């Protein structure tokens, strides 16, 4: 696939994810609570005087890698969902 097209697709997907995330946080009170909890935990780790700096760095690397993996998983599932939708619509004869 053309590199410019892939870049455009990535930008469009990123925008859809952000809009979906914002909508989810508004519509699901538990999601907003979890987001706030994550921010508080991150701050507590950074401000902790009992956690060694090396451990703080390792924790940060873990969370960063975890967030990146989650983003890649969401992107994959979103695209796969679109493909599955098209497949079902074709099987139903709605589209060719």
N, C-alpha and C. Protein backbone atom coordinates (compact mmCIF):
# COMPACT_ATOMS: atom_id res chain seq x y z
N UNK A 1 0.85 -1.18 0.00
CA UNK A 1 0.00 0.00 0.00
C UNK A 1 0.90 1.24 0.00
N UNK A 2 0.47 2.30 -0.66
CA UNK A 2 1.20 3.55 -0.77
C UNK A 2 1.51 4.11 0.63
N UNK A 3 2.74 4.59 0.82
CA UNK A 3 3.17 5.11 2.13
C UNK A 3 2.33 6.30 2.58
N UNK A 4 1.98 7.20 1.64
CA UNK A 4 1.14 8.34 1.99
C UNK A 4 -0.25 7.90 2.43
N UNK A 5 -0.77 6.88 1.78
CA UNK A 5 -2.08 6.34 2.15
C UNK A 5 -2.03 5.73 3.54
N UNK A 6 -0.94 5.02 3.84
CA UNK A 6 -0.79 4.44 5.18
C UNK A 6 -0.69 5.52 6.25
N UNK A 7 0.04 6.58 5.95
CA UNK A 7 0.14 7.70 6.90
C UNK A 7 -1.23 8.33 7.14
N UNK A 8 -1.98 8.51 6.07
CA UNK A 8 -3.31 9.08 6.17
C UNK A 8 -4.23 8.17 6.99
N UNK A 9 -4.13 6.87 6.75
CA UNK A 9 -4.92 5.91 7.51
C UNK A 9 -4.54 5.95 8.99
N UNK A 10 -3.26 6.01 9.29
CA UNK A 10 -2.81 6.10 10.69
C UNK A 10 -3.36 7.34 11.37
N UNK A 11 -3.34 8.47 10.66
CA UNK A 11 -3.86 9.71 11.24
C UNK A 11 -5.36 9.61 11.48
N UNK A 12 -6.08 9.04 10.52
CA UNK A 12 -7.53 8.89 10.66
C UNK A 12 -7.86 7.95 11.82
N UNK A 13 -7.12 6.86 11.93
CA UNK A 13 -7.36 5.92 13.04
C UNK A 13 -7.05 6.57 14.38
N UNK A 14 -5.96 7.30 14.45
CA UNK A 14 -5.60 7.97 15.70
C UNK A 14 -6.71 8.94 16.12
N UNK A 15 -7.25 9.66 15.17
CA UNK A 15 -8.35 10.59 15.47
C UNK A 15 -9.58 9.83 15.97
N UNK A 16 -9.92 8.72 15.30
CA UNK A 16 -11.08 7.91 15.72
C UNK A 16 -10.87 7.36 17.13
N UNK A 17 -9.65 6.91 17.42
CA UNK A 17 -9.37 6.37 18.75
C UNK A 17 -9.53 7.45 19.81
N UNK A 18 -9.02 8.64 19.53
CA UNK A 18 -9.13 9.74 20.49
C UNK A 18 -10.58 10.12 20.74
N UNK A 19 -11.36 10.20 19.66
CA UNK A 19 -12.77 10.53 19.81
C UNK A 19 -13.51 9.44 20.58
N UNK A 20 -13.21 8.19 20.27
CA UNK A 20 -13.85 7.07 20.98
C UNK A 20 -13.46 7.07 22.45
N UNK A 21 -12.19 7.34 22.73
CA UNK A 21 -11.71 7.37 24.10
C UNK A 21 -12.39 8.48 24.90
N UNK A 22 -12.49 9.64 24.30
CA UNK A 22 -13.16 10.77 24.98
C UNK A 22 -14.63 10.44 25.22
N UNK A 23 -15.27 9.84 24.25
CA UNK A 23 -16.67 9.46 24.39
C UNK A 23 -16.84 8.41 25.48
N UNK A 24 -15.96 7.43 25.51
CA UNK A 24 -16.02 6.38 26.52
C UNK A 24 -15.86 6.96 27.92
N UNK A 25 -14.93 7.90 28.09
CA UNK A 25 -14.71 8.50 29.40
C UNK A 25 -15.94 9.28 29.86
N UNK A 26 -16.68 9.87 28.92
CA UNK A 26 -17.88 10.62 29.28
C UNK A 26 -19.05 9.69 29.58
N UNK A 27 -19.17 8.63 28.80
CA UNK A 27 -20.33 7.75 28.91
C UNK A 27 -20.18 6.67 29.97
N UNK A 28 -18.96 6.33 30.32
CA UNK A 28 -18.71 5.26 31.29
C UNK A 28 -18.02 5.83 32.53
N UNK A 29 -18.76 6.08 33.59
CA UNK A 29 -18.16 6.66 34.80
C UNK A 29 -16.99 5.82 35.35
N UNK A 30 -17.07 4.51 35.21
CA UNK A 30 -15.99 3.65 35.72
C UNK A 30 -14.68 3.89 34.96
N UNK A 31 -14.78 4.16 33.66
CA UNK A 31 -13.59 4.43 32.86
C UNK A 31 -12.92 5.72 33.32
N UNK A 32 -13.72 6.74 33.59
CA UNK A 32 -13.16 8.00 34.08
C UNK A 32 -12.48 7.80 35.43
N UNK A 33 -13.10 7.00 36.29
CA UNK A 33 -12.50 6.71 37.60
C UNK A 33 -11.17 5.99 37.44
N UNK A 34 -11.10 5.04 36.51
CA UNK A 34 -9.86 4.31 36.27
C UNK A 34 -8.77 5.23 35.72
N UNK A 35 -9.14 6.13 34.83
CA UNK A 35 -8.17 7.07 34.27
C UNK A 35 -7.58 7.96 35.37
N UNK A 36 -8.45 8.45 36.25
CA UNK A 36 -7.99 9.28 37.37
C UNK A 36 -7.11 8.46 38.32
N UNK A 37 -7.51 7.21 38.56
CA UNK A 37 -6.72 6.33 39.43
C UNK A 37 -5.32 6.10 38.84
N UNK A 38 -5.24 5.89 37.54
CA UNK A 38 -3.93 5.69 36.91
C UNK A 38 -3.04 6.92 37.06
N UNK A 39 -3.63 8.09 36.90
CA UNK A 39 -2.87 9.34 37.06
C UNK A 39 -2.36 9.46 38.50
N UNK A 40 -3.22 9.15 39.46
CA UNK A 40 -2.82 9.23 40.87
C UNK A 40 -1.72 8.23 41.21
N UNK A 41 -1.83 7.02 40.69
CA UNK A 41 -0.80 6.00 40.95
C UNK A 41 0.53 6.42 40.34
N UNK A 42 0.48 6.93 39.12
CA UNK A 42 1.71 7.38 38.47
C UNK A 42 2.38 8.49 39.28
N UNK A 43 1.58 9.44 39.73
CA UNK A 43 2.11 10.54 40.55
C UNK A 43 2.69 10.01 41.86
N UNK A 44 2.00 9.07 42.49
CA UNK A 44 2.49 8.50 43.75
C UNK A 44 3.82 7.79 43.56
N UNK A 45 3.96 7.09 42.44
CA UNK A 45 5.23 6.41 42.16
C UNK A 45 6.34 7.43 41.96
N UNK A 46 6.07 8.46 41.15
CA UNK A 46 7.08 9.48 40.88
C UNK A 46 7.48 10.26 42.14
N UNK A 47 6.50 10.50 43.03
CA UNK A 47 6.77 11.28 44.23
C UNK A 47 7.30 10.45 45.40
N UNK A 48 7.29 9.13 45.26
CA UNK A 48 7.69 8.25 46.36
C UNK A 48 9.16 8.40 46.70
N UNK A 49 9.42 8.49 47.99
CA UNK A 49 10.82 8.55 48.45
C UNK A 49 11.32 7.15 48.83
N UNK A 50 10.43 6.17 48.84
CA UNK A 50 10.83 4.81 49.22
C UNK A 50 11.13 3.93 48.00
N UNK A 51 10.77 4.38 46.82
CA UNK A 51 11.06 3.61 45.61
C UNK A 51 12.34 4.17 44.99
N UNK A 52 13.28 3.27 44.75
CA UNK A 52 14.56 3.69 44.16
C UNK A 52 14.34 4.24 42.75
N UNK A 53 15.21 5.15 42.35
CA UNK A 53 15.12 5.78 41.03
C UNK A 53 15.18 4.74 39.92
N UNK A 54 16.03 3.71 40.08
CA UNK A 54 16.13 2.65 39.08
C UNK A 54 14.80 1.91 38.94
N UNK A 55 14.15 1.69 40.07
CA UNK A 55 12.85 1.01 40.05
C UNK A 55 11.78 1.88 39.42
N UNK A 56 11.82 3.18 39.70
CA UNK A 56 10.87 4.10 39.08
C UNK A 56 11.02 4.07 37.56
N UNK A 57 12.28 4.03 37.10
CA UNK A 57 12.53 3.99 35.66
C UNK A 57 12.00 2.69 35.07
N UNK A 58 12.21 1.59 35.74
CA UNK A 58 11.72 0.29 35.27
C UNK A 58 10.19 0.27 35.22
N UNK A 59 9.55 0.81 36.23
CA UNK A 59 8.09 0.90 36.27
C UNK A 59 7.59 1.75 35.10
N UNK A 60 8.24 2.88 34.88
CA UNK A 60 7.86 3.78 33.78
C UNK A 60 8.02 3.08 32.43
N UNK A 61 9.11 2.34 32.25
CA UNK A 61 9.32 1.61 31.00
C UNK A 61 8.24 0.55 30.81
N UNK A 62 7.87 -0.12 31.90
CA UNK A 62 6.82 -1.13 31.82
C UNK A 62 5.51 -0.50 31.37
N UNK A 63 5.11 0.58 32.04
CA UNK A 63 3.85 1.23 31.70
C UNK A 63 3.87 1.79 30.28
N UNK A 64 5.00 2.32 29.86
CA UNK A 64 5.12 2.85 28.51
C UNK A 64 4.96 1.74 27.47
N UNK A 65 5.65 0.62 27.68
CA UNK A 65 5.54 -0.51 26.76
C UNK A 65 4.12 -1.06 26.77
N UNK A 66 3.50 -1.10 27.94
CA UNK A 66 2.14 -1.61 28.06
C UNK A 66 1.16 -0.72 27.30
N UNK A 67 1.32 0.58 27.42
CA UNK A 67 0.45 1.52 26.70
C UNK A 67 0.64 1.37 25.19
N UNK A 68 1.89 1.23 24.76
CA UNK A 68 2.16 1.06 23.33
C UNK A 68 1.54 -0.24 22.81
N UNK A 69 1.67 -1.31 23.58
CA UNK A 69 1.09 -2.60 23.18
C UNK A 69 -0.43 -2.49 23.11
N UNK A 70 -1.03 -1.81 24.08
CA UNK A 70 -2.48 -1.63 24.09
C UNK A 70 -2.94 -0.83 22.88
N UNK A 71 -2.20 0.21 22.53
CA UNK A 71 -2.56 1.03 21.36
C UNK A 71 -2.48 0.21 20.08
N UNK A 72 -1.43 -0.60 19.95
CA UNK A 72 -1.29 -1.43 18.76
C UNK A 72 -2.41 -2.48 18.71
N UNK A 73 -2.77 -3.03 19.86
CA UNK A 73 -3.85 -4.02 19.91
C UNK A 73 -5.17 -3.38 19.51
N UNK A 74 -5.44 -2.19 20.04
CA UNK A 74 -6.68 -1.48 19.69
C UNK A 74 -6.74 -1.18 18.20
N UNK A 75 -5.64 -0.74 17.63
CA UNK A 75 -5.61 -0.44 16.20
C UNK A 75 -5.88 -1.71 15.40
N UNK A 76 -5.22 -2.79 15.77
CA UNK A 76 -5.42 -4.05 15.06
C UNK A 76 -6.88 -4.50 15.13
N UNK A 77 -7.44 -4.46 16.34
CA UNK A 77 -8.82 -4.90 16.52
C UNK A 77 -9.81 -3.99 15.78
N UNK A 78 -9.54 -2.70 15.76
CA UNK A 78 -10.41 -1.77 15.05
C UNK A 78 -10.42 -2.09 13.56
N UNK A 79 -9.24 -2.28 12.99
CA UNK A 79 -9.14 -2.60 11.56
C UNK A 79 -9.76 -3.97 11.28
N UNK A 80 -9.50 -4.94 12.16
CA UNK A 80 -10.08 -6.26 11.96
C UNK A 80 -11.60 -6.20 12.06
N UNK A 81 -12.12 -5.38 12.94
CA UNK A 81 -13.57 -5.21 13.05
C UNK A 81 -14.16 -4.64 11.77
N UNK A 82 -13.47 -3.69 11.18
CA UNK A 82 -13.93 -3.12 9.90
C UNK A 82 -13.92 -4.18 8.81
N UNK A 83 -12.86 -4.98 8.77
CA UNK A 83 -12.78 -6.07 7.78
C UNK A 83 -13.91 -7.07 7.99
N UNK A 84 -14.13 -7.45 9.24
CA UNK A 84 -15.20 -8.40 9.54
C UNK A 84 -16.56 -7.84 9.15
N UNK A 85 -16.76 -6.57 9.37
CA UNK A 85 -18.03 -5.92 8.99
C UNK A 85 -18.24 -6.01 7.49
N UNK A 86 -17.20 -5.71 6.72
CA UNK A 86 -17.30 -5.78 5.26
C UNK A 86 -17.58 -7.22 4.83
N UNK A 87 -16.91 -8.18 5.45
CA UNK A 87 -17.12 -9.59 5.12
C UNK A 87 -18.57 -10.00 5.36
N UNK A 88 -19.10 -9.62 6.51
CA UNK A 88 -20.51 -9.96 6.83
C UNK A 88 -21.45 -9.29 5.85
N UNK A 89 -21.23 -8.02 5.53
CA UNK A 89 -22.09 -7.32 4.59
C UNK A 89 -22.05 -7.98 3.21
N UNK A 90 -20.86 -8.45 2.81
CA UNK A 90 -20.75 -9.16 1.53
C UNK A 90 -21.51 -10.47 1.58
N UNK A 91 -21.35 -11.21 2.68
CA UNK A 91 -22.04 -12.49 2.81
C UNK A 91 -23.55 -12.32 2.82
N UNK A 92 -24.03 -11.19 3.34
CA UNK A 92 -25.46 -10.90 3.37
C UNK A 92 -25.96 -10.34 2.04
N UNK A 93 -25.03 -10.04 1.15
CA UNK A 93 -25.41 -9.49 -0.15
C UNK A 93 -25.71 -8.01 -0.13
N UNK A 94 -25.39 -7.35 0.94
CA UNK A 94 -25.64 -5.91 1.05
C UNK A 94 -24.66 -5.14 0.18
N UNK A 95 -23.39 -5.60 0.13
CA UNK A 95 -22.39 -4.99 -0.74
C UNK A 95 -21.73 -6.10 -1.57
N UNK A 96 -21.07 -5.68 -2.62
CA UNK A 96 -20.37 -6.66 -3.48
C UNK A 96 -18.89 -6.56 -3.33
